[in-house]
Amino acid sequence: MTREDQELLLMDLSARVPYKVVAQVGEGWKTEDREVLGVYADGNIYVDCIYVNIKNIKPYLRPMSSMTEEEKKELQEIAVALSYNKDDIIVGTQINSFRQLDGVLELFNSHHLDWRGLIEKGLALEAPEDMYKKLL
């Protein structure tokens, strides 16, 4: 994992801590799914009473393409004039204020949507379909 990837993952996890993001934690031969409770600038992640290096963690996130109709409606209420392509991927928005931008990012983070492309980069895992359903 490059230093740039580590910084991106630290930044992303930091924003998701309030929303109970779950991550796969692997140290040596043992791998477990745990809730991320804290993120530290030195590259350590606090999960369920242990500290893990950022290199040994992958959050479970939802691809943007998995947005539900309800989430799309919520997003349209925040950002004016959203447009989608034929695959229901967001291709354009009109955001008129920083408050709207903050609302969009909060929606993405709180619904565990991978708006930074971490799954494609191999820094996150695709969340099983109902992993976060009870939390939303």
Protein backbone atom coordinates (compact mmCIF):
# COMPACT_ATOMS: atom_id res chain seq x y z
CA MET A 1 0.00 0.00 0.00
CA THR A 2 1.50 3.31 -1.04
CA ARG A 3 1.73 6.27 1.33
CA GLU A 4 -0.82 8.05 -0.86
CA ASP A 5 -3.26 5.11 -0.51
CA GLN A 6 -2.74 5.07 3.25
CA GLU A 7 -3.53 8.78 3.50
CA LEU A 8 -6.65 8.37 1.34
CA LEU A 9 -7.89 5.47 3.48
CA LEU A 10 -7.16 7.35 6.72
CA MET A 11 -9.09 10.38 5.45
CA ASP A 12 -12.02 8.22 4.34
CA LEU A 13 -12.22 6.18 7.55
CA SER A 14 -12.00 9.33 9.68
CA ALA A 15 -15.14 10.70 8.05
CA ARG A 16 -17.01 7.41 8.50
CA VAL A 17 -16.30 6.70 12.21
CA PRO A 18 -19.56 8.33 13.42
CA TYR A 19 -21.53 6.06 11.07
CA LYS A 20 -20.31 2.69 12.44
CA VAL A 21 -18.30 1.53 9.43
CA VAL A 22 -17.29 -2.14 9.58
CA ALA A 23 -13.91 -3.28 8.29
CA GLN A 24 -12.14 -6.52 7.63
CA VAL A 25 -9.14 -6.61 9.94
CA GLY A 26 -6.32 -8.99 9.14
CA GLU A 27 -3.22 -9.55 11.20
CA GLY A 28 -1.14 -12.52 10.18
CA TRP A 29 -3.34 -15.56 9.67
CA LYS A 30 -6.42 -14.19 11.45
CA THR A 31 -9.10 -12.08 9.72
CA GLU A 32 -12.19 -10.64 11.43
CA ASP A 33 -14.89 -8.08 10.73
CA ARG A 34 -14.87 -5.29 13.32
CA GLU A 35 -16.37 -1.84 13.81
CA VAL A 36 -13.95 1.07 13.37
CA LEU A 37 -14.01 3.16 16.56
CA GLY A 38 -11.16 5.60 15.99
CA VAL A 39 -8.58 6.73 13.46
CA TYR A 40 -5.19 8.17 14.35
CA ALA A 41 -2.85 10.23 12.16
CA ASP A 42 0.03 7.83 12.85
CA GLY A 43 -1.73 5.16 10.76
CA ASN A 44 -3.30 3.19 13.61
CA ILE A 45 -6.98 2.32 13.59
CA TYR A 46 -8.83 1.55 16.81
CA VAL A 47 -11.25 -1.37 16.38
CA ASP A 48 -13.04 -3.18 19.19
CA CYS A 49 -10.40 -2.55 21.88
CA ILE A 50 -7.32 -3.17 19.72
CA TYR A 51 -5.12 -1.01 17.51
CA VAL A 52 -4.45 -2.11 13.94
CA ASN A 53 -2.13 -0.60 11.34
CA ILE A 54 -3.87 0.98 8.36
CA LYS A 55 -2.16 -1.60 6.12
CA ASN A 56 -4.17 -4.38 7.79
CA ILE A 57 -7.69 -3.03 7.36
CA LYS A 58 -10.25 -2.80 4.55
CA PRO A 59 -13.61 -1.14 5.18
CA TYR A 60 -16.79 -2.61 3.76
CA LEU A 61 -18.40 -0.05 1.47
CA ARG A 62 -21.29 0.00 -0.95
CA PRO A 63 -20.64 0.76 -4.62
CA MET A 64 -22.27 3.95 -5.84
CA SER A 65 -24.30 1.84 -8.27
CA SER A 66 -26.07 0.22 -5.28
CA MET A 67 -27.89 3.42 -4.32
CA THR A 68 -31.56 2.78 -3.65
CA GLU A 69 -34.37 4.87 -5.11
CA GLU A 70 -34.93 6.31 -1.62
CA GLU A 71 -31.27 7.36 -1.40
CA LYS A 72 -31.43 8.93 -4.87
CA LYS A 73 -34.50 10.89 -3.82
CA GLU A 74 -32.73 12.04 -0.64
CA LEU A 75 -29.75 13.08 -2.74
CA GLN A 76 -31.97 15.01 -5.14
CA GLU A 77 -33.44 16.90 -2.19
CA ILE A 78 -29.92 18.03 -1.26
CA ALA A 79 -28.39 18.70 -4.67
CA VAL A 80 -30.39 20.51 -7.32
CA ALA A 81 -30.64 19.14 -10.88
CA LEU A 82 -29.04 15.73 -10.45
CA SER A 83 -28.65 13.73 -13.62
CA TYR A 84 -27.98 10.01 -14.09
CA ASN A 85 -26.71 7.93 -17.03
CA LYS A 86 -28.43 4.79 -18.35
CA ASP A 87 -26.82 2.69 -15.58
CA ASP A 88 -28.20 5.00 -12.86
CA ILE A 89 -24.76 6.41 -12.13
CA ILE A 90 -24.67 10.06 -11.08
CA VAL A 91 -23.16 12.04 -13.93
CA GLY A 92 -23.98 15.59 -12.97
CA THR A 93 -25.11 17.70 -10.07
CA GLN A 94 -25.68 21.33 -9.41
CA ILE A 95 -24.51 22.23 -5.95
CA ASN A 96 -24.98 25.86 -5.06
CA SER A 97 -23.41 26.00 -1.62
CA PHE A 98 -20.88 24.39 0.66
CA ARG A 99 -23.80 23.36 2.87
CA GLN A 100 -25.24 21.33 -0.01
CA LEU A 101 -21.84 19.78 -0.70
CA ASP A 102 -21.53 18.86 2.96
CA GLY A 103 -24.99 17.29 2.85
CA VAL A 104 -24.09 15.17 -0.18
CA LEU A 105 -20.86 13.92 1.41
CA GLU A 106 -22.63 13.23 4.70
CA LEU A 107 -25.25 11.19 2.84
CA PHE A 108 -22.56 9.19 1.04
CA ASN A 109 -20.55 8.57 4.22
CA SER A 110 -23.53 7.75 6.45
CA HIS A 111 -24.89 5.28 3.88
CA HIS A 112 -21.42 3.74 3.44
CA LEU A 113 -21.25 4.59 -0.27
CA ASP A 114 -17.82 4.38 -1.91
CA TRP A 115 -17.70 7.82 -3.51
CA ARG A 116 -13.87 7.85 -3.51
CA GLY A 117 -13.51 4.63 -5.55
CA LEU A 118 -11.75 2.68 -2.78
CA ILE A 119 -13.22 -0.67 -3.89
CA GLU A 120 -11.73 -0.27 -7.38
CA LYS A 121 -8.36 0.64 -5.85
CA GLY A 122 -8.37 -2.50 -3.67
CA LEU A 123 -8.50 -0.40 -0.48
CA ALA A 124 -12.05 -1.46 0.49
CA LEU A 125 -14.32 -4.46 0.08
CA GLU A 126 -17.82 -4.47 -1.35
CA ALA A 127 -20.26 -4.73 1.55
CA PRO A 128 -22.65 -7.68 1.54
CA GLU A 129 -26.12 -6.53 0.49
CA ASP A 130 -27.73 -6.12 3.92
CA MET A 131 -24.62 -5.45 6.04
CA TYR A 132 -25.60 -1.88 6.88
CA LYS A 133 -29.37 -2.12 6.44
CA LYS A 134 -30.14 -2.19 10.17
CA LEU A 135 -27.85 0.83 10.75
CA LEU A 136 -29.41 3.12 8.13
